[in-house]
Amino acid sequence: PARGVVMPLYEPPASLSPAAMRYLIRMGFDNKAFAAAILDMAARGYLRIRLQAGTYTLYRTKSDNRSLPADEKQAASVLFDGRDQLWLH
């Protein structure tokens, strides 16, 4: 390589969600992978998270899940099966 400063640049794969990356690193699904999926769905505008009396409630903000990666679409369909909110306790 040429002399000088070498600075590696890293980006996560575009086709993998944060939860999928956690799954690959741990070779299994855990609470942190679940939390990563929930937070990514919130960042994409699919749901809203509200803290109420020490517990969290998830509110689906839109039923269109086209902005979600495949693994999060599947998680969203299970979490919000026939409802628009979910109380986590």
C-alpha atoms as a PDB file:
ATOM      1  CA  PRO A   1       0.000   0.000   0.000  1.00  0.00           C
ATOM      2  CA  ALA A   2       0.998   3.590  -0.510  1.00  0.00           C
ATOM      3  CA  ARG A   3       2.504   5.451   2.423  1.00  0.00           C
ATOM      4  CA  GLY A   4       0.319   7.633   4.534  1.00  0.00           C
ATOM      5  CA  VAL A   5      -2.673   7.283   6.737  1.00  0.00           C
ATOM      6  CA  VAL A   6      -4.842   4.256   6.063  1.00  0.00           C
ATOM      7  CA  MET A   7      -8.361   4.636   7.354  1.00  0.00           C
ATOM      8  CA  PRO A   8     -10.787   1.731   6.943  1.00  0.00           C
ATOM      9  CA  LEU A   9     -14.399   2.703   6.349  1.00  0.00           C
ATOM     10  CA  TYR A  10     -17.113   0.292   7.430  1.00  0.00           C
ATOM     11  CA  GLU A  11     -20.805   0.236   6.635  1.00  0.00           C
ATOM     12  CA  PRO A  12     -23.370  -2.327   7.666  1.00  0.00           C
ATOM     13  CA  PRO A  13     -24.760  -4.430   4.816  1.00  0.00           C
ATOM     14  CA  ALA A  14     -27.752  -2.651   3.266  1.00  0.00           C
ATOM     15  CA  SER A  15     -29.816  -5.836   3.117  1.00  0.00           C
ATOM     16  CA  LEU A  16     -29.551  -6.673   6.841  1.00  0.00           C
ATOM     17  CA  SER A  17     -31.437  -5.042   9.692  1.00  0.00           C
ATOM     18  CA  PRO A  18     -29.791  -4.307  13.057  1.00  0.00           C
ATOM     19  CA  ALA A  19     -31.613  -7.321  14.536  1.00  0.00           C
ATOM     20  CA  ALA A  20     -30.317  -9.558  11.737  1.00  0.00           C
ATOM     21  CA  MET A  21     -26.774  -8.335  12.374  1.00  0.00           C
ATOM     22  CA  ARG A  22     -27.158  -9.132  16.081  1.00  0.00           C
ATOM     23  CA  TYR A  23     -28.464 -12.575  15.164  1.00  0.00           C
ATOM     24  CA  LEU A  24     -25.395 -13.225  13.002  1.00  0.00           C
ATOM     25  CA  ILE A  25     -22.976 -12.055  15.681  1.00  0.00           C
ATOM     26  CA  ARG A  26     -24.600 -14.110  18.476  1.00  0.00           C
ATOM     27  CA  MET A  27     -25.766 -16.971  16.232  1.00  0.00           C
ATOM     28  CA  GLY A  28     -29.108 -16.753  17.972  1.00  0.00           C
ATOM     29  CA  PHE A  29     -31.971 -14.452  18.840  1.00  0.00           C
ATOM     30  CA  ASP A  30     -31.913 -12.720  22.243  1.00  0.00           C
ATOM     31  CA  ASN A  31     -33.451  -9.726  24.010  1.00  0.00           C
ATOM     32  CA  LYS A  32     -30.973  -7.320  22.428  1.00  0.00           C
ATOM     33  CA  ALA A  33     -31.909  -8.522  18.936  1.00  0.00           C
ATOM     34  CA  PHE A  34     -35.579  -7.975  19.817  1.00  0.00           C
ATOM     35  CA  ALA A  35     -34.808  -4.485  21.137  1.00  0.00           C
ATOM     36  CA  ALA A  36     -32.811  -3.702  17.973  1.00  0.00           C
ATOM     37  CA  ALA A  37     -35.770  -4.737  15.814  1.00  0.00           C
ATOM     38  CA  ILE A  38     -38.220  -2.617  17.835  1.00  0.00           C
ATOM     39  CA  LEU A  39     -35.956   0.439  17.746  1.00  0.00           C
ATOM     40  CA  ASP A  40     -35.329   0.078  14.021  1.00  0.00           C
ATOM     41  CA  MET A  41     -39.079  -0.179  13.356  1.00  0.00           C
ATOM     42  CA  ALA A  42     -39.539   3.021  15.378  1.00  0.00           C
ATOM     43  CA  ALA A  43     -36.719   4.763  13.492  1.00  0.00           C
ATOM     44  CA  ARG A  44     -38.402   3.845  10.196  1.00  0.00           C
ATOM     45  CA  GLY A  45     -41.680   5.356  11.432  1.00  0.00           C
ATOM     46  CA  TYR A  46     -43.597   2.070  11.589  1.00  0.00           C
ATOM     47  CA  LEU A  47     -44.284   2.303  15.312  1.00  0.00           C
ATOM     48  CA  ARG A  48     -44.075   4.658  18.278  1.00  0.00           C
ATOM     49  CA  ILE A  49     -42.769   3.710  21.733  1.00  0.00           C
ATOM     50  CA  ARG A  50     -44.265   5.232  24.864  1.00  0.00           C
ATOM     51  CA  LEU A  51     -43.155   4.760  28.470  1.00  0.00           C
ATOM     52  CA  GLN A  52     -46.150   4.562  30.817  1.00  0.00           C
ATOM     53  CA  ALA A  53     -45.894   3.753  34.526  1.00  0.00           C
ATOM     54  CA  GLY A  54     -42.606   1.906  34.135  1.00  0.00           C
ATOM     55  CA  THR A  55     -43.687  -0.255  31.176  1.00  0.00           C
ATOM     56  CA  TYR A  56     -43.561   0.318  27.444  1.00  0.00           C
ATOM     57  CA  THR A  57     -46.417   0.408  24.979  1.00  0.00           C
ATOM     58  CA  LEU A  58     -45.820   0.044  21.245  1.00  0.00           C
ATOM     59  CA  TYR A  59     -48.226   1.860  18.933  1.00  0.00           C
ATOM     60  CA  ARG A  60     -48.344   0.965  15.251  1.00  0.00           C
ATOM     61  CA  THR A  61     -48.402   4.278  13.381  1.00  0.00           C
ATOM     62  CA  LYS A  62     -49.071   2.867   9.923  1.00  0.00           C
ATOM     63  CA  SER A  63     -50.117  -0.479   8.563  1.00  0.00           C
ATOM     64  CA  ASP A  64     -47.858  -0.193   5.505  1.00  0.00           C
ATOM     65  CA  ASN A  65     -44.760  -2.228   6.310  1.00  0.00           C
ATOM     66  CA  ARG A  66     -42.991  -1.868   2.950  1.00  0.00           C
ATOM     67  CA  SER A  67     -40.200   0.185   4.547  1.00  0.00           C
ATOM     68  CA  LEU A  68     -39.267  -2.696   6.875  1.00  0.00           C
ATOM     69  CA  PRO A  69     -36.707  -5.413   6.115  1.00  0.00           C
ATOM     70  CA  ALA A  70     -38.095  -8.955   5.718  1.00  0.00           C
ATOM     71  CA  ASP A  71     -37.268 -10.073   9.272  1.00  0.00           C
ATOM     72  CA  GLU A  72     -38.936  -7.010  10.787  1.00  0.00           C
ATOM     73  CA  LYS A  73     -42.018  -7.473   8.588  1.00  0.00           C
ATOM     74  CA  GLN A  74     -42.410 -10.937  10.055  1.00  0.00           C
ATOM     75  CA  ALA A  75     -41.887  -9.678  13.626  1.00  0.00           C
ATOM     76  CA  ALA A  76     -44.385  -6.846  13.073  1.00  0.00           C
ATOM     77  CA  SER A  77     -47.024  -9.240  11.752  1.00  0.00           C
ATOM     78  CA  VAL A  78     -46.694 -11.366  14.895  1.00  0.00           C
ATOM     79  CA  LEU A  79     -46.552  -8.441  17.325  1.00  0.00           C
ATOM     80  CA  PHE A  80     -49.437  -6.472  15.827  1.00  0.00           C
ATOM     81  CA  ASP A  81     -51.666  -9.372  14.747  1.00  0.00           C
ATOM     82  CA  GLY A  82     -55.081  -7.714  14.594  1.00  0.00           C
ATOM     83  CA  ARG A  83     -54.191  -4.811  16.897  1.00  0.00           C
ATOM     84  CA  ASP A  84     -52.625  -1.358  16.741  1.00  0.00           C
ATOM     85  CA  GLN A  85     -50.940  -1.326  20.140  1.00  0.00           C
ATOM     86  CA  LEU A  86     -49.000  -3.746  22.300  1.00  0.00           C
ATOM     87  CA  TRP A  87     -48.224  -3.432  25.985  1.00  0.00           C
ATOM     88  CA  LEU A  88     -44.825  -4.860  26.958  1.00  0.00           C
ATOM     89  CA  HIS A  89     -44.663  -6.009  30.553  1.00  0.00           C
END
